[in-house]
Each structure stands twice: as C-alpha cells, then as structure tokens.
C-alpha atoms as a PDB file:
ATOM      1  CA  UNK A   1     -11.965  -2.137   2.757  1.00  0.00           C
ATOM      2  CA  UNK A   2     -12.921   1.531   2.766  1.00  0.00           C
ATOM      3  CA  UNK A   3     -16.329   2.416   1.318  1.00  0.00           C
ATOM      4  CA  UNK A   4     -16.465   4.420  -1.896  1.00  0.00           C
ATOM      5  CA  UNK A   5     -17.787   7.780  -0.844  1.00  0.00           C
ATOM      6  CA  UNK A   6     -18.382  10.842  -2.991  1.00  0.00           C
ATOM      7  CA  UNK A   7     -18.885  14.382  -1.751  1.00  0.00           C
ATOM      8  CA  UNK A   8     -21.395  16.191  -3.951  1.00  0.00           C
ATOM      9  CA  UNK A   9     -22.617  19.767  -4.198  1.00  0.00           C
ATOM     10  CA  UNK A  10     -25.897  21.127  -5.564  1.00  0.00           C
ATOM     11  CA  UNK A  11     -25.962  24.818  -6.477  1.00  0.00           C
ATOM     12  CA  UNK A  12     -29.471  26.098  -5.739  1.00  0.00           C
ATOM     13  CA  UNK A  13     -29.760  29.665  -6.964  1.00  0.00           C
ATOM     14  CA  UNK A  14     -32.012  32.395  -8.345  1.00  0.00           C
ATOM     15  CA  UNK A  15     -31.676  34.040 -11.734  1.00  0.00           C
ATOM     16  CA  UNK A  16     -29.119  36.850 -11.482  1.00  0.00           C
ATOM     17  CA  UNK A  17     -30.467  38.866 -14.429  1.00  0.00           C
ATOM     18  CA  UNK A  18     -27.963  38.036 -17.169  1.00  0.00           C
ATOM     19  CA  UNK A  19     -25.975  35.131 -18.551  1.00  0.00           C
ATOM     20  CA  UNK A  20     -22.729  36.701 -17.407  1.00  0.00           C
ATOM     21  CA  UNK A  21     -23.988  37.283 -13.870  1.00  0.00           C
ATOM     22  CA  UNK A  22     -25.309  33.730 -13.639  1.00  0.00           C
ATOM     23  CA  UNK A  23     -22.052  32.213 -14.890  1.00  0.00           C
ATOM     24  CA  UNK A  24     -19.999  34.367 -12.540  1.00  0.00           C
ATOM     25  CA  UNK A  25     -22.106  33.103  -9.646  1.00  0.00           C
ATOM     26  CA  UNK A  26     -21.650  29.518 -10.855  1.00  0.00           C
ATOM     27  CA  UNK A  27     -17.889  30.026 -10.995  1.00  0.00           C
ATOM     28  CA  UNK A  28     -17.853  31.294  -7.409  1.00  0.00           C
ATOM     29  CA  UNK A  29     -20.120  28.470  -6.236  1.00  0.00           C
ATOM     30  CA  UNK A  30     -18.035  25.748  -7.888  1.00  0.00           C
ATOM     31  CA  UNK A  31     -14.883  27.202  -6.312  1.00  0.00           C
ATOM     32  CA  UNK A  32     -16.585  27.160  -2.911  1.00  0.00           C
ATOM     33  CA  UNK A  33     -17.889  23.616  -3.396  1.00  0.00           C
ATOM     34  CA  UNK A  34     -14.476  22.346  -4.466  1.00  0.00           C
ATOM     35  CA  UNK A  35     -12.842  24.018  -1.458  1.00  0.00           C
ATOM     36  CA  UNK A  36     -15.341  22.131   0.727  1.00  0.00           C
ATOM     37  CA  UNK A  37     -14.218  18.842  -0.838  1.00  0.00           C
ATOM     38  CA  UNK A  38     -16.935  18.263  -3.457  1.00  0.00           C
ATOM     39  CA  UNK A  39     -15.896  16.155  -6.444  1.00  0.00           C
ATOM     40  CA  UNK A  40     -19.230  16.449  -8.285  1.00  0.00           C
ATOM     41  CA  UNK A  41     -21.248  19.662  -8.748  1.00  0.00           C
ATOM     42  CA  UNK A  42     -24.830  19.649 -10.036  1.00  0.00           C
ATOM     43  CA  UNK A  43     -26.385  22.853 -11.392  1.00  0.00           C
ATOM     44  CA  UNK A  44     -30.070  23.693 -11.861  1.00  0.00           C
ATOM     45  CA  UNK A  45     -31.970  23.514 -15.146  1.00  0.00           C
ATOM     46  CA  UNK A  46     -31.261  26.252 -17.755  1.00  0.00           C
ATOM     47  CA  UNK A  47     -29.035  28.053 -15.272  1.00  0.00           C
ATOM     48  CA  UNK A  48     -27.649  30.617 -17.740  1.00  0.00           C
ATOM     49  CA  UNK A  49     -30.793  32.748 -17.688  1.00  0.00           C
ATOM     50  CA  UNK A  50     -34.393  33.040 -16.567  1.00  0.00           C
ATOM     51  CA  UNK A  51     -36.837  30.204 -17.098  1.00  0.00           C
ATOM     52  CA  UNK A  52     -38.006  31.657 -20.414  1.00  0.00           C
ATOM     53  CA  UNK A  53     -40.608  28.952 -21.129  1.00  0.00           C
ATOM     54  CA  UNK A  54     -43.293  30.858 -19.240  1.00  0.00           C
ATOM     55  CA  UNK A  55     -44.303  32.309 -22.614  1.00  0.00           C
ATOM     56  CA  UNK A  56     -43.863  31.568 -26.315  1.00  0.00           C
ATOM     57  CA  UNK A  57     -41.766  34.027 -28.310  1.00  0.00           C
ATOM     58  CA  UNK A  58     -39.359  33.405 -31.173  1.00  0.00           C
ATOM     59  CA  UNK A  59     -36.762  35.834 -29.778  1.00  0.00           C
ATOM     60  CA  UNK A  60     -36.125  33.432 -26.900  1.00  0.00           C
ATOM     61  CA  UNK A  61     -34.397  31.083 -29.359  1.00  0.00           C
ATOM     62  CA  UNK A  62     -31.534  33.576 -29.398  1.00  0.00           C
ATOM     63  CA  UNK A  63     -30.567  32.171 -26.000  1.00  0.00           C
ATOM     64  CA  UNK A  64     -29.615  28.821 -27.538  1.00  0.00           C
ATOM     65  CA  UNK A  65     -26.040  27.835 -28.338  1.00  0.00           C
ATOM     66  CA  UNK A  66     -24.216  24.903 -29.913  1.00  0.00           C
ATOM     67  CA  UNK A  67     -22.689  22.076 -27.897  1.00  0.00           C
ATOM     68  CA  UNK A  68     -19.702  22.163 -27.767  1.00  0.00           C
ATOM     69  CA  UNK A  69     -19.907  25.930 -27.558  1.00  0.00           C
ATOM     70  CA  UNK A  70     -19.208  28.960 -25.371  1.00  0.00           C
ATOM     71  CA  UNK A  71     -20.806  27.613 -22.183  1.00  0.00           C
ATOM     72  CA  UNK A  72     -19.281  24.140 -22.393  1.00  0.00           C
ATOM     73  CA  UNK A  73     -15.873  25.725 -23.000  1.00  0.00           C
ATOM     74  CA  UNK A  74     -16.242  28.042 -20.008  1.00  0.00           C
ATOM     75  CA  UNK A  75     -17.638  25.352 -17.728  1.00  0.00           C
ATOM     76  CA  UNK A  76     -14.954  22.927 -18.931  1.00  0.00           C
ATOM     77  CA  UNK A  77     -12.244  25.369 -17.911  1.00  0.00           C
ATOM     78  CA  UNK A  78     -14.010  25.756 -14.563  1.00  0.00           C
ATOM     79  CA  UNK A  79     -14.117  21.987 -14.040  1.00  0.00           C
ATOM     80  CA  UNK A  80     -10.427  21.665 -14.877  1.00  0.00           C
ATOM     81  CA  UNK A  81      -9.457  24.602 -12.647  1.00  0.00           C
ATOM     82  CA  UNK A  82     -11.007  22.953  -9.600  1.00  0.00           C
ATOM     83  CA  UNK A  83     -10.682  19.275 -10.523  1.00  0.00           C
ATOM     84  CA  UNK A  84     -14.424  18.557 -10.278  1.00  0.00           C
ATOM     85  CA  UNK A  85     -17.068  16.981 -12.490  1.00  0.00           C
ATOM     86  CA  UNK A  86     -19.838  19.470 -13.379  1.00  0.00           C
ATOM     87  CA  UNK A  87     -23.347  18.556 -14.548  1.00  0.00           C
ATOM     88  CA  UNK A  88     -24.807  21.580 -16.319  1.00  0.00           C
ATOM     89  CA  UNK A  89     -28.015  22.403 -18.211  1.00  0.00           C
ATOM     90  CA  UNK A  90     -28.108  24.302 -21.510  1.00  0.00           C
ATOM     91  CA  UNK A  91     -30.446  25.390 -24.309  1.00  0.00           C
ATOM     92  CA  UNK A  92     -28.871  23.552 -27.245  1.00  0.00           C
ATOM     93  CA  UNK A  93     -29.012  24.883 -30.811  1.00  0.00           C
ATOM     94  CA  UNK A  94     -28.527  21.757 -32.876  1.00  0.00           C
ATOM     95  CA  UNK A  95     -29.512  23.231 -36.246  1.00  0.00           C
ATOM     96  CA  UNK A  96     -31.704  26.094 -37.513  1.00  0.00           C
ATOM     97  CA  UNK A  97     -35.167  25.388 -36.112  1.00  0.00           C
ATOM     98  CA  UNK A  98     -33.966  22.399 -34.072  1.00  0.00           C
ATOM     99  CA  UNK A  99     -33.318  22.925 -30.372  1.00  0.00           C
ATOM    100  CA  UNK A 100     -33.016  20.747 -27.281  1.00  0.00           C
ATOM    101  CA  UNK A 101     -33.062  21.088 -23.505  1.00  0.00           C
ATOM    102  CA  UNK A 102     -29.723  19.419 -22.906  1.00  0.00           C
ATOM    103  CA  UNK A 103     -27.698  18.431 -19.855  1.00  0.00           C
ATOM    104  CA  UNK A 104     -23.937  18.253 -20.296  1.00  0.00           C
ATOM    105  CA  UNK A 105     -21.298  16.598 -18.156  1.00  0.00           C
ATOM    106  CA  UNK A 106     -17.860  18.216 -17.930  1.00  0.00           C
ATOM    107  CA  UNK A 107     -15.085  15.927 -16.736  1.00  0.00           C
ATOM    108  CA  UNK A 108     -12.562  17.187 -14.201  1.00  0.00           C
ATOM    109  CA  UNK A 109      -9.955  17.604 -16.935  1.00  0.00           C
ATOM    110  CA  UNK A 110     -12.336  19.989 -18.697  1.00  0.00           C
ATOM    111  CA  UNK A 111     -13.422  17.621 -21.461  1.00  0.00           C
ATOM    112  CA  UNK A 112     -17.045  17.054 -22.452  1.00  0.00           C
ATOM    113  CA  UNK A 113     -17.834  13.602 -21.065  1.00  0.00           C
ATOM    114  CA  UNK A 114     -21.309  13.411 -22.580  1.00  0.00           C
ATOM    115  CA  UNK A 115     -24.743  14.930 -22.956  1.00  0.00           C
ATOM    116  CA  UNK A 116     -28.360  13.999 -22.340  1.00  0.00           C
ATOM    117  CA  UNK A 117     -31.248  15.566 -24.241  1.00  0.00           C
ATOM    118  CA  UNK A 118     -34.441  15.910 -22.197  1.00  0.00           C
ATOM    119  CA  UNK A 119     -36.890  13.222 -23.294  1.00  0.00           C
ATOM    120  CA  UNK A 120     -40.159  14.269 -21.650  1.00  0.00           C
ATOM    121  CA  UNK A 121     -41.223  17.774 -22.720  1.00  0.00           C
ATOM    122  CA  UNK A 122     -44.081  19.471 -20.825  1.00  0.00           C
ATOM    123  CA  UNK A 123     -46.673  21.839 -22.252  1.00  0.00           C
ATOM    124  CA  UNK A 124     -48.547  23.347 -19.336  1.00  0.00           C
ATOM    125  CA  UNK A 125     -49.490  26.868 -18.232  1.00  0.00           C
ATOM    126  CA  UNK A 126     -46.200  28.570 -17.390  1.00  0.00           C
ATOM    127  CA  UNK A 127     -44.153  25.682 -18.778  1.00  0.00           C
ATOM    128  CA  UNK A 128     -44.508  25.948 -22.567  1.00  0.00           C
ATOM    129  CA  UNK A 129     -41.496  23.822 -23.391  1.00  0.00           C
ATOM    130  CA  UNK A 130     -42.881  22.081 -26.478  1.00  0.00           C
ATOM    131  CA  UNK A 131     -42.628  25.403 -28.315  1.00  0.00           C
ATOM    132  CA  UNK A 132     -38.868  25.462 -27.732  1.00  0.00           C
ATOM    133  CA  UNK A 133     -37.533  21.930 -27.281  1.00  0.00           C
ATOM    134  CA  UNK A 134     -37.452  18.924 -29.567  1.00  0.00           C
ATOM    135  CA  UNK A 135     -37.752  15.682 -27.540  1.00  0.00           C
ATOM    136  CA  UNK A 136     -34.417  14.013 -26.923  1.00  0.00           C
ATOM    137  CA  UNK A 137     -33.117  11.340 -29.269  1.00  0.00           C
ATOM    138  CA  UNK A 138     -30.161   9.988 -27.277  1.00  0.00           C
ATOM    139  CA  UNK A 139     -32.244   7.685 -25.110  1.00  0.00           C
ATOM    140  CA  UNK A 140     -31.598   6.923 -21.463  1.00  0.00           C
ATOM    141  CA  UNK A 141     -27.857   6.320 -21.549  1.00  0.00           C
ATOM    142  CA  UNK A 142     -25.695   6.957 -18.471  1.00  0.00           C
ATOM    143  CA  UNK A 143     -22.510   8.974 -18.838  1.00  0.00           C
ATOM    144  CA  UNK A 144     -19.237   7.519 -17.587  1.00  0.00           C
ATOM    145  CA  UNK A 145     -17.063   9.871 -15.538  1.00  0.00           C
ATOM    146  CA  UNK A 146     -14.173   9.722 -13.094  1.00  0.00           C
ATOM    147  CA  UNK A 147     -16.665   9.893 -10.203  1.00  0.00           C
ATOM    148  CA  UNK A 148     -18.978   7.158 -11.481  1.00  0.00           C
ATOM    149  CA  UNK A 149     -21.603   6.354 -14.095  1.00  0.00           C
ATOM    150  CA  UNK A 150     -24.139   9.181 -13.998  1.00  0.00           C
ATOM    151  CA  UNK A 151     -27.784   8.718 -14.933  1.00  0.00           C
ATOM    152  CA  UNK A 152     -28.537  12.318 -15.921  1.00  0.00           C
ATOM    153  CA  UNK A 153     -32.179  13.278 -16.524  1.00  0.00           C
ATOM    154  CA  UNK A 154     -33.867  16.706 -16.624  1.00  0.00           C
ATOM    155  CA  UNK A 155     -36.819  18.163 -14.680  1.00  0.00           C
ATOM    156  CA  UNK A 156     -40.055  16.766 -16.198  1.00  0.00           C
ATOM    157  CA  UNK A 157     -38.267  13.431 -16.594  1.00  0.00           C
ATOM    158  CA  UNK A 158     -38.326  13.163 -12.799  1.00  0.00           C
ATOM    159  CA  UNK A 159     -42.008  12.164 -12.763  1.00  0.00           C
ATOM    160  CA  UNK A 160     -41.440   9.087 -14.949  1.00  0.00           C
ATOM    161  CA  UNK A 161     -40.380   5.829 -13.284  1.00  0.00           C
ATOM    162  CA  UNK A 162     -39.589   4.396 -16.725  1.00  0.00           C
ATOM    163  CA  UNK A 163     -36.759   6.908 -17.235  1.00  0.00           C
ATOM    164  CA  UNK A 164     -35.186   6.187 -13.857  1.00  0.00           C
ATOM    165  CA  UNK A 165     -35.530   2.437 -14.374  1.00  0.00           C
ATOM    166  CA  UNK A 166     -33.906   2.469 -17.794  1.00  0.00           C
ATOM    167  CA  UNK A 167     -30.976   4.466 -16.447  1.00  0.00           C
ATOM    168  CA  UNK A 168     -30.623   1.959 -13.609  1.00  0.00           C
ATOM    169  CA  UNK A 169     -30.783  -0.990 -16.011  1.00  0.00           C
ATOM    170  CA  UNK A 170     -27.970   0.609 -18.028  1.00  0.00           C
ATOM    171  CA  UNK A 171     -25.744   0.657 -14.957  1.00  0.00           C
ATOM    172  CA  UNK A 172     -26.205   4.186 -13.618  1.00  0.00           C
ATOM    173  CA  UNK A 173     -24.685   4.557 -10.147  1.00  0.00           C
ATOM    174  CA  UNK A 174     -26.769   7.601  -9.268  1.00  0.00           C
ATOM    175  CA  UNK A 175     -29.621   9.638 -10.756  1.00  0.00           C
ATOM    176  CA  UNK A 176     -29.227  13.398 -11.256  1.00  0.00           C
ATOM    177  CA  UNK A 177     -32.025  15.859 -12.056  1.00  0.00           C
ATOM    178  CA  UNK A 178     -31.311  19.496 -12.963  1.00  0.00           C
ATOM    179  CA  UNK A 179     -34.686  21.124 -12.361  1.00  0.00           C
ATOM    180  CA  UNK A 180     -36.803  24.266 -12.699  1.00  0.00           C
ATOM    181  CA  UNK A 181     -40.127  23.764 -10.960  1.00  0.00           C
ATOM    182  CA  UNK A 182     -42.248  25.984  -8.785  1.00  0.00           C
ATOM    183  CA  UNK A 183     -45.616  27.298  -7.751  1.00  0.00           C
ATOM    184  CA  UNK A 184     -48.249  29.493  -9.276  1.00  0.00           C
ATOM    185  CA  UNK A 185     -48.264  32.168  -6.538  1.00  0.00           C
ATOM    186  CA  UNK A 186     -52.052  32.234  -6.787  1.00  0.00           C
ATOM    187  CA  UNK A 187     -52.448  28.664  -5.541  1.00  0.00           C
ATOM    188  CA  UNK A 188     -53.495  28.092  -1.943  1.00  0.00           C
ATOM    189  CA  UNK A 189     -50.750  27.248   0.537  1.00  0.00           C
ATOM    190  CA  UNK A 190     -52.002  23.687   1.093  1.00  0.00           C
ATOM    191  CA  UNK A 191     -52.046  23.023  -2.661  1.00  0.00           C
ATOM    192  CA  UNK A 192     -48.534  24.398  -3.004  1.00  0.00           C
ATOM    193  CA  UNK A 193     -47.286  22.087  -0.283  1.00  0.00           C
ATOM    194  CA  UNK A 194     -48.996  19.058  -1.861  1.00  0.00           C
ATOM    195  CA  UNK A 195     -47.190  19.801  -5.125  1.00  0.00           C
ATOM    196  CA  UNK A 196     -43.780  20.229  -3.500  1.00  0.00           C
ATOM    197  CA  UNK A 197     -44.199  17.104  -1.382  1.00  0.00           C
ATOM    198  CA  UNK A 198     -45.278  15.054  -4.406  1.00  0.00           C
ATOM    199  CA  UNK A 199     -42.196  16.231  -6.296  1.00  0.00           C
ATOM    200  CA  UNK A 200     -39.870  15.081  -3.527  1.00  0.00           C
ATOM    201  CA  UNK A 201     -41.797  11.853  -2.959  1.00  0.00           C
ATOM    202  CA  UNK A 202     -41.694  10.905  -6.641  1.00  0.00           C
ATOM    203  CA  UNK A 203     -37.932  11.150  -6.813  1.00  0.00           C
ATOM    204  CA  UNK A 204     -37.363   9.435  -3.488  1.00  0.00           C
ATOM    205  CA  UNK A 205     -39.482   6.640  -4.972  1.00  0.00           C
ATOM    206  CA  UNK A 206     -37.036   6.358  -7.881  1.00  0.00           C
ATOM    207  CA  UNK A 207     -34.223   5.993  -5.349  1.00  0.00           C
ATOM    208  CA  UNK A 208     -36.062   3.199  -3.526  1.00  0.00           C
ATOM    209  CA  UNK A 209     -37.299   1.336  -6.616  1.00  0.00           C
ATOM    210  CA  UNK A 210     -33.841   1.305  -8.177  1.00  0.00           C
ATOM    211  CA  UNK A 211     -31.596   1.203  -5.119  1.00  0.00           C
ATOM    212  CA  UNK A 212     -29.727   4.328  -6.237  1.00  0.00           C
ATOM    213  CA  UNK A 213     -28.845   7.738  -4.788  1.00  0.00           C
ATOM    214  CA  UNK A 214     -30.793  10.665  -6.279  1.00  0.00           C
ATOM    215  CA  UNK A 215     -29.534  14.243  -6.611  1.00  0.00           C
ATOM    216  CA  UNK A 216     -32.128  16.880  -7.535  1.00  0.00           C
ATOM    217  CA  UNK A 217     -31.138  20.540  -7.958  1.00  0.00           C
ATOM    218  CA  UNK A 218     -33.927  23.108  -8.325  1.00  0.00           C
ATOM    219  CA  UNK A 219     -34.131  26.875  -8.791  1.00  0.00           C
ATOM    220  CA  UNK A 220     -35.353  29.253  -6.162  1.00  0.00           C
ATOM    221  CA  UNK A 221     -36.778  32.769  -6.288  1.00  0.00           C
ATOM    222  CA  UNK A 222     -39.721  34.390  -8.069  1.00  0.00           C
ATOM    223  CA  UNK A 223     -39.536  35.001 -11.826  1.00  0.00           C
ATOM    224  CA  UNK A 224     -42.234  37.170 -13.443  1.00  0.00           C
ATOM    225  CA  UNK A 225     -43.798  36.145 -16.740  1.00  0.00           C
ATOM    226  CA  UNK A 226     -42.622  38.452 -19.577  1.00  0.00           C
ATOM    227  CA  UNK A 227     -46.221  38.820 -20.813  1.00  0.00           C
ATOM    228  CA  UNK A 228     -47.696  39.530 -17.390  1.00  0.00           C
ATOM    229  CA  UNK A 229     -49.404  37.341 -14.859  1.00  0.00           C
ATOM    230  CA  UNK A 230     -48.229  35.931 -11.549  1.00  0.00           C
ATOM    231  CA  UNK A 231     -45.037  34.282 -12.809  1.00  0.00           C
ATOM    232  CA  UNK A 232     -43.468  31.291 -11.044  1.00  0.00           C
ATOM    233  CA  UNK A 233     -42.130  31.063  -7.513  1.00  0.00           C
ATOM    234  CA  UNK A 234     -39.551  28.309  -7.745  1.00  0.00           C
ATOM    235  CA  UNK A 235     -39.703  26.174  -4.626  1.00  0.00           C
ATOM    236  CA  UNK A 236     -36.038  25.259  -4.241  1.00  0.00           C
ATOM    237  CA  UNK A 237     -35.973  22.230  -1.902  1.00  0.00           C
ATOM    238  CA  UNK A 238     -32.985  20.712  -3.710  1.00  0.00           C
ATOM    239  CA  UNK A 239     -32.049  17.441  -2.054  1.00  0.00           C
ATOM    240  CA  UNK A 240     -29.847  14.370  -2.024  1.00  0.00           C
ATOM    241  CA  UNK A 241     -31.395  11.005  -1.171  1.00  0.00           C
ATOM    242  CA  UNK A 242     -29.756   7.644  -0.538  1.00  0.00           C
ATOM    243  CA  UNK A 243     -30.748   4.317  -2.143  1.00  0.00           C
ATOM    244  CA  UNK A 244     -33.554   3.708   0.352  1.00  0.00           C
ATOM    245  CA  UNK A 245     -34.952   7.174  -0.211  1.00  0.00           C
ATOM    246  CA  UNK A 246     -33.374   8.518   2.962  1.00  0.00           C
ATOM    247  CA  UNK A 247     -32.748  12.270   2.847  1.00  0.00           C
ATOM    248  CA  UNK A 248     -29.029  13.020   3.158  1.00  0.00           C
ATOM    249  CA  UNK A 249     -29.323  16.780   2.662  1.00  0.00           C
ATOM    250  CA  UNK A 250     -32.119  19.199   1.754  1.00  0.00           C
ATOM    251  CA  UNK A 251     -32.243  22.927   1.025  1.00  0.00           C
ATOM    252  CA  UNK A 252     -34.980  25.354   1.981  1.00  0.00           C
ATOM    253  CA  UNK A 253     -37.626  26.632  -0.401  1.00  0.00           C
ATOM    254  CA  UNK A 254     -36.313  30.210  -0.630  1.00  0.00           C
ATOM    255  CA  UNK A 255     -32.666  29.540   0.080  1.00  0.00           C
ATOM    256  CA  UNK A 256     -29.743  30.430  -2.169  1.00  0.00           C
ATOM    257  CA  UNK A 257     -27.230  27.813  -1.160  1.00  0.00           C
ATOM    258  CA  UNK A 258     -24.578  25.268  -2.017  1.00  0.00           C
ATOM    259  CA  UNK A 259     -25.994  22.022  -0.668  1.00  0.00           C
ATOM    260  CA  UNK A 260     -23.300  19.526   0.315  1.00  0.00           C
ATOM    261  CA  UNK A 261     -23.717  15.813   0.984  1.00  0.00           C
ATOM    262  CA  UNK A 262     -21.607  12.668   1.085  1.00  0.00           C
ATOM    263  CA  UNK A 263     -22.916   9.714  -0.913  1.00  0.00           C
ATOM    264  CA  UNK A 264     -21.855   6.132  -0.136  1.00  0.00           C
ATOM    265  CA  UNK A 265     -21.582   4.527  -3.571  1.00  0.00           C
ATOM    266  CA  UNK A 266     -21.191   1.025  -2.096  1.00  0.00           C
ATOM    267  CA  UNK A 267     -24.522   1.251  -0.306  1.00  0.00           C
ATOM    268  CA  UNK A 268     -26.511   0.526  -3.481  1.00  0.00           C
ATOM    269  CA  UNK A 269     -25.000  -2.959  -3.663  1.00  0.00           C
ATOM    270  CA  UNK A 270     -25.940  -3.639  -0.039  1.00  0.00           C
ATOM    271  CA  UNK A 271     -29.482  -2.326  -0.460  1.00  0.00           C
ATOM    272  CA  UNK A 272     -30.077  -4.304  -3.651  1.00  0.00           C
ATOM    273  CA  UNK A 273     -29.061  -7.507  -1.880  1.00  0.00           C
ATOM    274  CA  UNK A 274     -31.838  -7.135   0.687  1.00  0.00           C
ATOM    275  CA  UNK A 275     -34.348  -5.525  -1.704  1.00  0.00           C
ATOM    276  CA  UNK A 276     -33.684  -7.375  -4.989  1.00  0.00           C
ATOM    277  CA  UNK A 277     -36.233  -5.525  -7.102  1.00  0.00           C
ATOM    278  CA  UNK A 278     -34.207  -5.979 -10.292  1.00  0.00           C
ATOM    279  CA  UNK A 279     -34.056  -9.737  -9.715  1.00  0.00           C
ATOM    280  CA  UNK A 280     -37.799 -10.095  -9.194  1.00  0.00           C
ATOM    281  CA  UNK A 281     -38.989  -7.995 -12.129  1.00  0.00           C
ATOM    282  CA  UNK A 282     -41.445  -9.944 -14.333  1.00  0.00           C
ATOM    283  CA  UNK A 283     -39.980  -8.804 -17.649  1.00  0.00           C
ATOM    284  CA  UNK A 284     -42.054 -11.478 -19.421  1.00  0.00           C
ATOM    285  CA  UNK A 285     -45.267  -9.731 -18.318  1.00  0.00           C
ATOM    286  CA  UNK A 286     -44.519  -6.078 -19.013  1.00  0.00           C
ATOM    287  CA  UNK A 287     -45.007  -5.910 -22.773  1.00  0.00           C
ATOM    288  CA  UNK A 288     -48.109  -3.748 -22.545  1.00  0.00           C
ATOM    289  CA  UNK A 289     -46.096  -0.960 -20.975  1.00  0.00           C
ATOM    290  CA  UNK A 290     -45.224  -0.051 -24.541  1.00  0.00           C
ATOM    291  CA  UNK A 291     -48.860   0.878 -25.189  1.00  0.00           C
ATOM    292  CA  UNK A 292     -50.223   4.385 -24.553  1.00  0.00           C
ATOM    293  CA  UNK A 293     -53.170   2.975 -22.626  1.00  0.00           C
ATOM    294  CA  UNK A 294     -54.813  -0.418 -22.051  1.00  0.00           C
ATOM    295  CA  UNK A 295     -58.285   0.121 -23.514  1.00  0.00           C
END
C-alpha cells in the first residue's frame, strides 16, 4: 500500500508595497508551486499589505474586506486555475466596527472551503492587534478539504498548546500557521536568536505533542512603523515539521522563497501508536485548565 504523501508549498515573501503587487506575486508563486507539484499552498499572515498593526489608526480599517469578497474571489480563481488548495490570510470586515484576522481555505475547484478567525489577539509594542481584531468566535474547528482535514490557526495562536490540542482532538491531519512575526531591530543579536528559536521550538512541540505535521509560513523583510521608530524585521524561517518535530524544510531569515516539502500523512498514525499521548491524557484531572490561574 502506497503511503499518502502531500507536496506542500509555503510562500515566504516581503511586502511589495501595494495590494495589487502582493497579489500578483502570490499568483506567480502559486503557479510556480503548482508546476513543482504542490497540492497545498500556505501564504503568510495578512499577505495583501504591510503588517499595519505596528500602530493604531482608524484609516487602517479601510484595508478590511468582506468574506466572501474580492480577495477570496481572486484567490479562488487562482486555486481553480492551478488545481491547488490555498490557505490565505485576510483582514475581514464582518460588520461596521466589527473586524477579524481571518484565515480562509480555497478548495482546488475555487470554492471557499472554510474560514478560521484568529482566537488569540496580541497587544504588544509593535503588535497592536486588539485595536483592530475582534477575537474569533468559530472555535478550533478543522476545515475539510480534498488534501485532508486542515487545522488552521494564525500567528499568536502558535504559542498556545491548547489551540493545537483542540485542533488535533477534532481530527486535524496537520496544523497550519500563517504568521507575521519578527524582531525589534534594536534588540541584541543573542536576544533575537533566542526569540526566533523559541518560536520554532514552540511549534515543533505542537507537532510532537499531537503527532501531527506543522506548516508555519512567516513574512520576511523590514517594515518601518508608519509613526516612526525602528519598525519590525520579520525573521522569515518558515518551516515544515513532521509529527515527531523533525524539520522537513526550512527557509532562511531574509529569504524570499517558495519552500517546498513532502508530508507523509500516514506517518501520524505510526507515530501515535508508539507515542500514544492522546490515549494517556488524564482528562479527569484537567478541569482547572479552564481557570485563568490557580491561586
């Protein structure tokens, strides 16, 4: 019996200066990935423009759009043209004054297979997302596609083992993280490397703890803050890990690239048989996880 394998592509890119330029680059990258045999393409977080959450300004809400809307229609046509599944990341305008950071999945026939609204919303220097995004209300529900059941999460979600676990418990076959994370250029080099390493380690831990492949696609390049200051140098390092955390492919920190990898979807079953973490969970003893803190 032949193993179920899936060739995937992660489009690690810099902001090209406009929505049109970014989408044109995405179209070229998806065409290239499909020509290389990829059946699933993962894009970075908020890929249509700059990472605007470095500051708080009401005009930035003009970037938002409905779902379905112009970007899902364009990306749907792109998916259908090349026969691939695309996981994209958009600023969703749900209603006046109500916006989400939303990942969408376009099926290879161009249809909208599903969406995930980012659940964990940061509010840190340079990452003022609580000003823009309402926390997600769709829960941790995988999205069924022709290439498998996708556990799609977004950026800040990647630090939370609870999110990865709940996706796994709902039958996700892989975890996918569109991401925009980087350094304060003023930090010392050793601190920068600790942050980048922790980011990779955290997600590889989700792969190990859940016996699932992980795909994480990050931005690269430096983006200045509109109100001044050092801006953010996005550290790239997009990667694909297998269900024991093994690195299958990894991009450089400053590299614009289409990262290709082949994922063995049958390997999760084999790994979970020798590391039966789901079997040995003490669900009777975890009730206090629902508390903010154990005083």
